[in-house]
Amino acid sequence: MTIRHENGDALTAQEVYDIWRIRDQVFAFEQHVEDTDVDGRDLLSVTTHFWLSDDEGPTSYLRVYVADGIRHIGRVCTRKDQRGKGLSGELMAEVARLWGDEDLHLNAQAHLERWYATLGYVRSGEDYDEAGIVHTPMLRSGRR
């Protein structure tokens, strides 16, 4: 599978639909997230979407955006039937390849803290509740 990536302002309508569909499946239906997913960042030029796909659509997805000069990773998800294949790890590795010389910030679901640690992320603050799920702020320091 080839990793696709596109800036938010260049996404096609079909790509937007497919991205929101996988996020809806994972976050709304499986995890019962209490907040709305659409937050105004998806279509910005400073947001880059990454995904892998099969004939049924995206199998794994994440987005990277810049806010206040800080690069953030978020919305990391994999379709239920594709989990355990390392797909999210592939996407995270691509992000590190592109921006590994910068600090990368993310808010991990707390139960995934150890997985993100294997990718070089360290806890950068106290746990907190976001959308009804405990999250851990994490940072991967740039390799300058």
N, C-alpha and C. Protein backbone atom coordinates (compact mmCIF):
# COMPACT_ATOMS: atom_id res chain seq x y z
N MET A 1 0.84 -1.19 0.00
CA MET A 1 0.00 0.00 0.00
C MET A 1 0.87 1.24 0.00
N THR A 2 0.42 2.23 -0.69
CA THR A 2 1.13 3.50 -0.78
C THR A 2 0.50 4.51 0.16
N ILE A 3 1.34 5.20 0.91
CA ILE A 3 0.83 6.26 1.79
C ILE A 3 0.44 7.45 0.93
N ARG A 4 -0.78 7.88 1.10
CA ARG A 4 -1.27 9.09 0.44
C ARG A 4 -1.18 10.24 1.43
N HIS A 5 -0.87 11.41 0.93
CA HIS A 5 -0.94 12.60 1.79
C HIS A 5 -1.32 13.80 0.94
N GLU A 6 -2.10 14.67 1.55
CA GLU A 6 -2.63 15.82 0.84
C GLU A 6 -2.91 16.93 1.84
N ASN A 7 -2.60 18.16 1.45
CA ASN A 7 -2.95 19.30 2.30
C ASN A 7 -4.45 19.51 2.26
N GLY A 8 -4.96 20.05 3.33
CA GLY A 8 -6.40 20.21 3.48
C GLY A 8 -7.05 21.02 2.39
N ASP A 9 -6.37 22.04 1.90
CA ASP A 9 -6.96 22.89 0.87
C ASP A 9 -6.91 22.27 -0.52
N ALA A 10 -6.34 21.07 -0.66
CA ALA A 10 -6.25 20.39 -1.96
C ALA A 10 -7.04 19.08 -1.99
N LEU A 11 -7.72 18.75 -0.90
CA LEU A 11 -8.50 17.51 -0.86
C LEU A 11 -9.68 17.57 -1.83
N THR A 12 -9.98 16.45 -2.44
CA THR A 12 -11.19 16.35 -3.26
C THR A 12 -12.37 16.09 -2.33
N ALA A 13 -13.57 16.26 -2.85
CA ALA A 13 -14.77 15.98 -2.07
C ALA A 13 -14.78 14.51 -1.65
N GLN A 14 -14.38 13.61 -2.52
CA GLN A 14 -14.36 12.19 -2.19
C GLN A 14 -13.36 11.90 -1.07
N GLU A 15 -12.20 12.53 -1.11
CA GLU A 15 -11.20 12.33 -0.05
C GLU A 15 -11.72 12.84 1.29
N VAL A 16 -12.36 13.99 1.29
CA VAL A 16 -12.94 14.52 2.54
C VAL A 16 -13.97 13.54 3.08
N TYR A 17 -14.83 13.06 2.21
CA TYR A 17 -15.86 12.10 2.62
C TYR A 17 -15.23 10.84 3.20
N ASP A 18 -14.22 10.28 2.53
CA ASP A 18 -13.57 9.06 3.00
C ASP A 18 -12.87 9.27 4.34
N ILE A 19 -12.22 10.41 4.51
CA ILE A 19 -11.52 10.73 5.76
C ILE A 19 -12.53 10.85 6.90
N TRP A 20 -13.59 11.59 6.67
CA TRP A 20 -14.58 11.76 7.73
C TRP A 20 -15.29 10.43 8.02
N ARG A 21 -15.42 9.57 7.02
CA ARG A 21 -16.08 8.27 7.24
C ARG A 21 -15.25 7.39 8.18
N ILE A 22 -13.93 7.27 7.97
CA ILE A 22 -13.12 6.44 8.87
C ILE A 22 -13.08 7.04 10.27
N ARG A 23 -12.97 8.34 10.36
CA ARG A 23 -12.95 8.97 11.68
C ARG A 23 -14.29 8.79 12.39
N ASP A 24 -15.38 8.87 11.66
CA ASP A 24 -16.71 8.67 12.23
C ASP A 24 -16.85 7.23 12.74
N GLN A 25 -16.39 6.27 11.93
CA GLN A 25 -16.48 4.85 12.33
C GLN A 25 -15.73 4.61 13.63
N VAL A 26 -14.50 5.12 13.70
CA VAL A 26 -13.65 4.84 14.86
C VAL A 26 -14.03 5.67 16.07
N PHE A 27 -14.11 6.98 15.90
CA PHE A 27 -14.29 7.85 17.07
C PHE A 27 -15.74 7.94 17.53
N ALA A 28 -16.68 8.09 16.63
CA ALA A 28 -18.08 8.24 17.04
C ALA A 28 -18.72 6.91 17.40
N PHE A 29 -18.61 5.92 16.52
CA PHE A 29 -19.32 4.67 16.74
C PHE A 29 -18.59 3.70 17.67
N GLU A 30 -17.29 3.52 17.48
CA GLU A 30 -16.57 2.58 18.34
C GLU A 30 -16.25 3.16 19.71
N GLN A 31 -15.74 4.40 19.73
CA GLN A 31 -15.25 4.98 20.98
C GLN A 31 -16.25 5.90 21.66
N HIS A 32 -17.34 6.20 21.01
CA HIS A 32 -18.39 7.06 21.57
C HIS A 32 -17.84 8.40 22.05
N VAL A 33 -16.99 9.01 21.24
CA VAL A 33 -16.42 10.32 21.56
C VAL A 33 -17.54 11.32 21.72
N GLU A 34 -17.43 12.15 22.74
CA GLU A 34 -18.51 13.06 23.12
C GLU A 34 -18.45 14.42 22.40
N ASP A 35 -17.40 14.71 21.66
CA ASP A 35 -17.28 15.99 20.96
C ASP A 35 -17.45 15.79 19.46
N THR A 36 -17.76 16.87 18.76
CA THR A 36 -17.84 16.79 17.31
C THR A 36 -16.44 16.64 16.74
N ASP A 37 -16.34 15.94 15.65
CA ASP A 37 -15.04 15.68 15.00
C ASP A 37 -14.59 16.87 14.16
N VAL A 38 -15.51 17.47 13.45
CA VAL A 38 -15.18 18.57 12.54
C VAL A 38 -14.88 19.81 13.38
N ASP A 39 -13.62 20.28 13.29
CA ASP A 39 -13.17 21.37 14.15
C ASP A 39 -12.60 22.57 13.41
N GLY A 40 -12.79 22.61 12.09
CA GLY A 40 -12.31 23.75 11.33
C GLY A 40 -10.88 23.64 10.84
N ARG A 41 -10.17 22.58 11.17
CA ARG A 41 -8.77 22.43 10.75
C ARG A 41 -8.59 21.63 9.47
N ASP A 42 -9.53 20.77 9.14
CA ASP A 42 -9.33 19.80 8.06
C ASP A 42 -9.04 20.40 6.69
N LEU A 43 -9.63 21.50 6.35
CA LEU A 43 -9.48 22.05 5.01
C LEU A 43 -8.42 23.15 4.91
N LEU A 44 -7.66 23.36 5.96
CA LEU A 44 -6.63 24.39 5.96
C LEU A 44 -5.38 23.94 5.22
N SER A 45 -4.67 24.89 4.66
CA SER A 45 -3.42 24.57 3.95
C SER A 45 -2.32 24.11 4.91
N VAL A 46 -2.44 24.42 6.21
CA VAL A 46 -1.45 24.01 7.20
C VAL A 46 -1.77 22.65 7.81
N THR A 47 -2.79 21.99 7.27
CA THR A 47 -3.15 20.64 7.71
C THR A 47 -2.81 19.67 6.59
N THR A 48 -2.09 18.61 6.95
CA THR A 48 -1.77 17.56 5.98
C THR A 48 -2.40 16.27 6.47
N HIS A 49 -3.14 15.62 5.58
CA HIS A 49 -3.82 14.37 5.88
C HIS A 49 -2.99 13.22 5.29
N PHE A 50 -2.84 12.14 6.06
CA PHE A 50 -2.11 10.96 5.62
C PHE A 50 -3.04 9.76 5.75
N TRP A 51 -3.03 8.87 4.75
CA TRP A 51 -3.84 7.68 4.85
C TRP A 51 -3.34 6.57 3.94
N LEU A 52 -3.72 5.37 4.32
CA LEU A 52 -3.54 4.16 3.52
C LEU A 52 -4.94 3.67 3.17
N SER A 53 -5.10 3.06 2.00
CA SER A 53 -6.44 2.64 1.57
C SER A 53 -6.42 1.25 0.96
N ASP A 54 -7.60 0.65 0.94
CA ASP A 54 -7.85 -0.55 0.16
C ASP A 54 -9.13 -0.30 -0.64
N ASP A 55 -9.72 -1.32 -1.20
CA ASP A 55 -10.91 -1.16 -2.03
C ASP A 55 -12.12 -0.62 -1.26
N GLU A 56 -12.09 -0.73 0.06
CA GLU A 56 -13.20 -0.26 0.89
C GLU A 56 -12.98 1.17 1.41
N GLY A 57 -11.85 1.78 1.08
CA GLY A 57 -11.55 3.14 1.54
C GLY A 57 -10.35 3.15 2.46
N PRO A 58 -10.18 4.25 3.20
CA PRO A 58 -9.02 4.36 4.09
C PRO A 58 -8.98 3.23 5.12
N THR A 59 -7.79 2.67 5.30
CA THR A 59 -7.58 1.62 6.29
C THR A 59 -6.96 2.20 7.56
N SER A 60 -6.16 3.26 7.40
CA SER A 60 -5.52 3.94 8.52
C SER A 60 -5.35 5.40 8.13
N TYR A 61 -5.41 6.27 9.14
CA TYR A 61 -5.44 7.71 8.85
C TYR A 61 -4.85 8.47 10.03
N LEU A 62 -4.28 9.63 9.72
CA LEU A 62 -3.94 10.64 10.71
C LEU A 62 -3.83 11.99 10.02
N ARG A 63 -3.83 13.03 10.82
CA ARG A 63 -3.62 14.36 10.26
C ARG A 63 -2.55 15.08 11.07
N VAL A 64 -1.87 15.99 10.40
CA VAL A 64 -0.84 16.83 11.02
C VAL A 64 -1.22 18.26 10.70
N TYR A 65 -1.20 19.12 11.72
CA TYR A 65 -1.52 20.52 11.47
C TYR A 65 -0.59 21.40 12.30
N VAL A 66 -0.47 22.64 11.87
CA VAL A 66 0.35 23.62 12.57
C VAL A 66 -0.57 24.67 13.18
N ALA A 67 -0.40 24.91 14.48
CA ALA A 67 -1.15 25.94 15.19
C ALA A 67 -0.17 26.67 16.09
N ASP A 68 -0.16 27.98 15.99
CA ASP A 68 0.76 28.80 16.79
C ASP A 68 2.20 28.35 16.65
N GLY A 69 2.59 27.94 15.45
CA GLY A 69 3.96 27.54 15.18
C GLY A 69 4.34 26.16 15.68
N ILE A 70 3.37 25.41 16.21
CA ILE A 70 3.63 24.08 16.76
C ILE A 70 2.98 23.03 15.86
N ARG A 71 3.73 21.99 15.52
CA ARG A 71 3.21 20.91 14.67
C ARG A 71 2.56 19.84 15.55
N HIS A 72 1.29 19.55 15.26
CA HIS A 72 0.49 18.60 16.03
C HIS A 72 0.08 17.42 15.16
N ILE A 73 0.04 16.25 15.78
CA ILE A 73 -0.49 15.05 15.13
C ILE A 73 -1.78 14.69 15.84
N GLY A 74 -2.79 14.33 15.06
CA GLY A 74 -4.05 13.97 15.68
C GLY A 74 -4.91 13.09 14.81
N ARG A 75 -6.03 12.68 15.38
CA ARG A 75 -7.03 11.86 14.70
C ARG A 75 -6.44 10.55 14.16
N VAL A 76 -5.46 10.01 14.88
CA VAL A 76 -4.83 8.75 14.46
C VAL A 76 -5.84 7.62 14.64
N CYS A 77 -6.13 6.90 13.56
CA CYS A 77 -7.11 5.83 13.66
C CYS A 77 -6.89 4.79 12.56
N THR A 78 -7.32 3.58 12.86
CA THR A 78 -7.25 2.47 11.91
C THR A 78 -8.58 1.74 11.92
N ARG A 79 -9.05 1.40 10.74
CA ARG A 79 -10.30 0.66 10.62
C ARG A 79 -10.21 -0.65 11.40
N LYS A 80 -11.28 -1.03 12.04
CA LYS A 80 -11.29 -2.19 12.92
C LYS A 80 -10.76 -3.45 12.24
N ASP A 81 -11.13 -3.69 10.99
CA ASP A 81 -10.71 -4.91 10.30
C ASP A 81 -9.26 -4.88 9.84
N GLN A 82 -8.56 -3.76 10.06
CA GLN A 82 -7.17 -3.62 9.61
C GLN A 82 -6.19 -3.45 10.77
N ARG A 83 -6.66 -3.52 12.00
CA ARG A 83 -5.79 -3.31 13.16
C ARG A 83 -4.81 -4.46 13.34
N GLY A 84 -3.67 -4.14 13.95
CA GLY A 84 -2.66 -5.15 14.22
C GLY A 84 -1.70 -5.38 13.07
N LYS A 85 -1.77 -4.57 12.04
CA LYS A 85 -0.91 -4.73 10.86
C LYS A 85 0.19 -3.68 10.79
N GLY A 86 0.25 -2.79 11.79
CA GLY A 86 1.29 -1.76 11.80
C GLY A 86 1.01 -0.56 10.91
N LEU A 87 -0.23 -0.39 10.49
CA LEU A 87 -0.55 0.68 9.55
C LEU A 87 -0.37 2.08 10.15
N SER A 88 -0.84 2.27 11.37
CA SER A 88 -0.66 3.58 12.01
C SER A 88 0.82 3.86 12.23
N GLY A 89 1.58 2.83 12.54
CA GLY A 89 3.03 2.99 12.70
C GLY A 89 3.68 3.46 11.41
N GLU A 90 3.21 2.94 10.28
CA GLU A 90 3.73 3.38 8.98
C GLU A 90 3.44 4.87 8.76
N LEU A 91 2.23 5.29 9.09
CA LEU A 91 1.89 6.70 8.92
C LEU A 91 2.71 7.58 9.85
N MET A 92 2.88 7.14 11.10
CA MET A 92 3.69 7.91 12.05
C MET A 92 5.14 7.99 11.59
N ALA A 93 5.66 6.92 11.01
CA ALA A 93 7.03 6.94 10.50
C ALA A 93 7.17 7.92 9.34
N GLU A 94 6.16 8.03 8.51
CA GLU A 94 6.20 8.99 7.41
C GLU A 94 6.20 10.42 7.92
N VAL A 95 5.41 10.68 8.95
CA VAL A 95 5.41 12.01 9.56
C VAL A 95 6.80 12.32 10.12
N ALA A 96 7.40 11.37 10.82
CA ALA A 96 8.75 11.57 11.36
C ALA A 96 9.77 11.78 10.25
N ARG A 97 9.60 11.08 9.14
CA ARG A 97 10.51 11.26 8.01
C ARG A 97 10.42 12.67 7.45
N LEU A 98 9.22 13.19 7.36
CA LEU A 98 9.02 14.52 6.78
C LEU A 98 9.38 15.65 7.74
N TRP A 99 9.05 15.48 9.03
CA TRP A 99 9.21 16.58 9.99
C TRP A 99 9.99 16.17 11.22
N GLY A 100 10.82 15.15 11.12
CA GLY A 100 11.55 14.65 12.27
C GLY A 100 12.53 15.63 12.88
N ASP A 101 12.88 16.68 12.14
CA ASP A 101 13.79 17.68 12.69
C ASP A 101 13.04 18.74 13.51
N GLU A 102 11.72 18.62 13.58
CA GLU A 102 10.88 19.54 14.36
C GLU A 102 10.31 18.79 15.56
N ASP A 103 9.92 19.55 16.58
CA ASP A 103 9.17 18.96 17.68
C ASP A 103 7.80 18.57 17.15
N LEU A 104 7.35 17.38 17.52
CA LEU A 104 6.03 16.89 17.13
C LEU A 104 5.22 16.64 18.39
N HIS A 105 4.06 17.26 18.47
CA HIS A 105 3.19 17.16 19.64
C HIS A 105 1.97 16.32 19.31
N LEU A 106 1.50 15.57 20.29
CA LEU A 106 0.24 14.86 20.13
C LEU A 106 -0.40 14.65 21.49
N ASN A 107 -1.69 14.41 21.46
CA ASN A 107 -2.45 14.10 22.66
C ASN A 107 -2.94 12.66 22.50
N ALA A 108 -2.21 11.74 23.11
CA ALA A 108 -2.48 10.31 22.95
C ALA A 108 -3.61 9.89 23.87
N GLN A 109 -4.45 8.99 23.39
CA GLN A 109 -5.36 8.34 24.33
C GLN A 109 -4.45 7.61 25.31
N ALA A 110 -4.72 7.77 26.59
CA ALA A 110 -3.80 7.32 27.64
C ALA A 110 -3.39 5.85 27.50
N HIS A 111 -4.30 5.01 27.06
CA HIS A 111 -3.95 3.59 26.94
C HIS A 111 -2.94 3.31 25.83
N LEU A 112 -2.66 4.32 24.98
CA LEU A 112 -1.69 4.17 23.90
C LEU A 112 -0.34 4.84 24.19
N GLU A 113 -0.17 5.32 25.42
CA GLU A 113 1.07 6.02 25.76
C GLU A 113 2.30 5.17 25.49
N ARG A 114 2.27 3.90 25.86
CA ARG A 114 3.45 3.03 25.66
C ARG A 114 3.72 2.81 24.17
N TRP A 115 2.67 2.69 23.36
CA TRP A 115 2.86 2.52 21.92
C TRP A 115 3.54 3.76 21.33
N TYR A 116 3.06 4.94 21.68
CA TYR A 116 3.70 6.16 21.17
C TYR A 116 5.14 6.29 21.68
N ALA A 117 5.40 5.81 22.89
CA ALA A 117 6.77 5.84 23.43
C ALA A 117 7.72 5.03 22.56
N THR A 118 7.23 3.94 21.97
CA THR A 118 8.09 3.15 21.08
C THR A 118 8.47 3.92 19.83
N LEU A 119 7.73 4.99 19.54
CA LEU A 119 8.01 5.83 18.37
C LEU A 119 8.80 7.08 18.73
N GLY A 120 9.25 7.16 19.99
CA GLY A 120 10.09 8.27 20.41
C GLY A 120 9.37 9.40 21.11
N TYR A 121 8.11 9.21 21.45
CA TYR A 121 7.34 10.25 22.13
C TYR A 121 7.44 10.06 23.64
N VAL A 122 7.51 11.18 24.37
CA VAL A 122 7.55 11.14 25.83
C VAL A 122 6.43 12.00 26.38
N ARG A 123 5.97 11.62 27.55
CA ARG A 123 4.93 12.38 28.24
C ARG A 123 5.41 13.82 28.43
N SER A 124 4.52 14.77 28.18
CA SER A 124 4.91 16.18 28.33
C SER A 124 3.96 16.94 29.25
N GLY A 125 3.15 16.23 30.00
CA GLY A 125 2.22 16.88 30.93
C GLY A 125 1.35 15.84 31.61
N GLU A 126 0.40 16.34 32.37
CA GLU A 126 -0.51 15.48 33.12
C GLU A 126 -1.66 15.01 32.24
N ASP A 127 -2.20 13.85 32.56
CA ASP A 127 -3.37 13.34 31.86
C ASP A 127 -4.53 14.31 32.04
N TYR A 128 -5.44 14.29 31.07
CA TYR A 128 -6.62 15.15 31.12
C TYR A 128 -7.73 14.47 30.31
N ASP A 129 -8.95 14.92 30.53
CA ASP A 129 -10.10 14.38 29.81
C ASP A 129 -10.35 15.23 28.57
N GLU A 130 -10.47 14.55 27.45
CA GLU A 130 -10.86 15.22 26.20
C GLU A 130 -11.92 14.34 25.55
N ALA A 131 -13.08 14.90 25.35
CA ALA A 131 -14.17 14.21 24.67
C ALA A 131 -14.57 12.92 25.37
N GLY A 132 -14.43 12.89 26.71
CA GLY A 132 -14.83 11.72 27.47
C GLY A 132 -13.79 10.62 27.52
N ILE A 133 -12.57 10.88 27.02
CA ILE A 133 -11.50 9.88 27.00
C ILE A 133 -10.26 10.50 27.66
N VAL A 134 -9.59 9.73 28.52
CA VAL A 134 -8.37 10.22 29.16
C VAL A 134 -7.25 10.28 28.12
N HIS A 135 -6.59 11.44 28.05
CA HIS A 135 -5.50 11.66 27.10
C HIS A 135 -4.22 12.04 27.84
N THR A 136 -3.10 11.76 27.20
CA THR A 136 -1.77 12.07 27.71
C THR A 136 -1.06 12.96 26.69
N PRO A 137 -0.66 14.17 27.07
CA PRO A 137 0.12 14.99 26.13
C PRO A 137 1.51 14.39 25.95
N MET A 138 1.97 14.35 24.70
CA MET A 138 3.27 13.74 24.40
C MET A 138 4.03 14.58 23.39
N LEU A 139 5.34 14.43 23.41
CA LEU A 139 6.23 15.21 22.55
C LEU A 139 7.34 14.31 22.02
N ARG A 140 7.64 14.49 20.76
CA ARG A 140 8.83 13.87 20.15
C ARG A 140 9.73 15.04 19.77
N SER A 141 10.84 15.17 20.46
CA SER A 141 11.75 16.29 20.21
C SER A 141 12.39 16.17 18.86
N GLY A 142 12.53 17.32 18.20
CA GLY A 142 13.15 17.35 16.88
C GLY A 142 14.59 16.91 16.93
N ARG A 143 15.01 16.28 15.85
CA ARG A 143 16.39 15.78 15.74
C ARG A 143 17.22 16.82 15.00
N ARG A 144 17.53 17.89 15.68
CA ARG A 144 18.25 19.00 15.04
C ARG A 144 19.72 18.76 15.01
